[in-house]
Amino acid sequence: MLYLNERFFPAMWLILLILLAYKATAFPYAGAALPLEIFGLFPWAVLEAARLFL
């Protein structure tokens, strides 16, 4: 299962980033909520890479 996650996670991460961009244009967001959600993806990617490759 970890082997497949190497390929699945980047696709899932990009889809989430695209969905957040869509949500930002289609729906009203509270002041700091959108940047927190977007910048929350980056530590998640680092932690996932560490989990997979270390």
C-alpha atoms as a PDB file:
ATOM      1  CA  MET A   1       0.000   0.000   0.000  1.00  0.00           C
ATOM      2  CA  LEU A   2       2.870   2.404   0.705  1.00  0.00           C
ATOM      3  CA  TYR A   3       4.207   1.752  -2.778  1.00  0.00           C
ATOM      4  CA  LEU A   4       0.976   2.956  -4.385  1.00  0.00           C
ATOM      5  CA  ASN A   5       0.866   5.985  -2.115  1.00  0.00           C
ATOM      6  CA  GLU A   6       4.043   7.307  -3.769  1.00  0.00           C
ATOM      7  CA  ARG A   7       2.003   7.797  -6.931  1.00  0.00           C
ATOM      8  CA  PHE A   8      -1.348   8.568  -5.361  1.00  0.00           C
ATOM      9  CA  PHE A   9      -0.275  11.349  -3.000  1.00  0.00           C
ATOM     10  CA  PRO A  10       1.095  13.856  -5.584  1.00  0.00           C
ATOM     11  CA  ALA A  11      -2.084  13.509  -7.644  1.00  0.00           C
ATOM     12  CA  MET A  12      -4.250  13.944  -4.560  1.00  0.00           C
ATOM     13  CA  TRP A  13      -2.201  16.978  -3.473  1.00  0.00           C
ATOM     14  CA  LEU A  14      -2.606  18.675  -6.858  1.00  0.00           C
ATOM     15  CA  ILE A  15      -6.334  17.940  -6.931  1.00  0.00           C
ATOM     16  CA  LEU A  16      -6.717  19.479  -3.470  1.00  0.00           C
ATOM     17  CA  LEU A  17      -4.763  22.564  -4.536  1.00  0.00           C
ATOM     18  CA  ILE A  18      -6.977  22.962  -7.612  1.00  0.00           C
ATOM     19  CA  LEU A  19     -10.126  22.497  -5.526  1.00  0.00           C
ATOM     20  CA  LEU A  20      -8.959  25.128  -3.048  1.00  0.00           C
ATOM     21  CA  ALA A  21      -8.347  27.543  -5.920  1.00  0.00           C
ATOM     22  CA  TYR A  22     -11.851  26.834  -7.207  1.00  0.00           C
ATOM     23  CA  LYS A  23     -13.364  27.312  -3.754  1.00  0.00           C
ATOM     24  CA  ALA A  24     -11.545  30.636  -3.430  1.00  0.00           C
ATOM     25  CA  THR A  25     -13.118  31.942  -6.630  1.00  0.00           C
ATOM     26  CA  ALA A  26     -16.591  30.438  -6.220  1.00  0.00           C
ATOM     27  CA  PHE A  27     -17.308  30.945  -2.511  1.00  0.00           C
ATOM     28  CA  PRO A  28     -16.692  33.718   0.003  1.00  0.00           C
ATOM     29  CA  TYR A  29     -13.928  32.930   2.475  1.00  0.00           C
ATOM     30  CA  ALA A  30     -13.265  34.376   5.908  1.00  0.00           C
ATOM     31  CA  GLY A  31     -10.121  36.548   6.031  1.00  0.00           C
ATOM     32  CA  ALA A  32      -7.285  34.198   6.934  1.00  0.00           C
ATOM     33  CA  ALA A  33      -8.985  30.857   6.285  1.00  0.00           C
ATOM     34  CA  LEU A  34      -7.925  30.390   2.667  1.00  0.00           C
ATOM     35  CA  PRO A  35      -4.194  31.102   3.141  1.00  0.00           C
ATOM     36  CA  LEU A  36      -4.154  28.777   6.143  1.00  0.00           C
ATOM     37  CA  GLU A  37      -5.727  25.999   4.104  1.00  0.00           C
ATOM     38  CA  ILE A  38      -3.383  26.501   1.164  1.00  0.00           C
ATOM     39  CA  PHE A  39      -0.223  26.765   3.262  1.00  0.00           C
ATOM     40  CA  GLY A  40      -1.378  23.770   5.282  1.00  0.00           C
ATOM     41  CA  LEU A  41      -0.874  21.627   2.193  1.00  0.00           C
ATOM     42  CA  PHE A  42       2.879  22.222   2.165  1.00  0.00           C
ATOM     43  CA  PRO A  43       3.723  20.836   5.636  1.00  0.00           C
ATOM     44  CA  TRP A  44       1.409  17.932   4.862  1.00  0.00           C
ATOM     45  CA  ALA A  45       3.449  17.188   1.710  1.00  0.00           C
ATOM     46  CA  VAL A  46       6.716  17.336   3.666  1.00  0.00           C
ATOM     47  CA  LEU A  47       5.391  15.025   6.368  1.00  0.00           C
ATOM     48  CA  GLU A  48       4.022  12.591   3.805  1.00  0.00           C
ATOM     49  CA  ALA A  49       7.348  12.506   1.947  1.00  0.00           C
ATOM     50  CA  ALA A  50       9.162  11.861   5.218  1.00  0.00           C
ATOM     51  CA  ARG A  51       6.719   9.107   6.083  1.00  0.00           C
ATOM     52  CA  LEU A  52       7.172   7.423   2.702  1.00  0.00           C
ATOM     53  CA  PHE A  53      10.898   7.765   2.160  1.00  0.00           C
ATOM     54  CA  LEU A  54      12.484   7.688   5.614  1.00  0.00           C
END
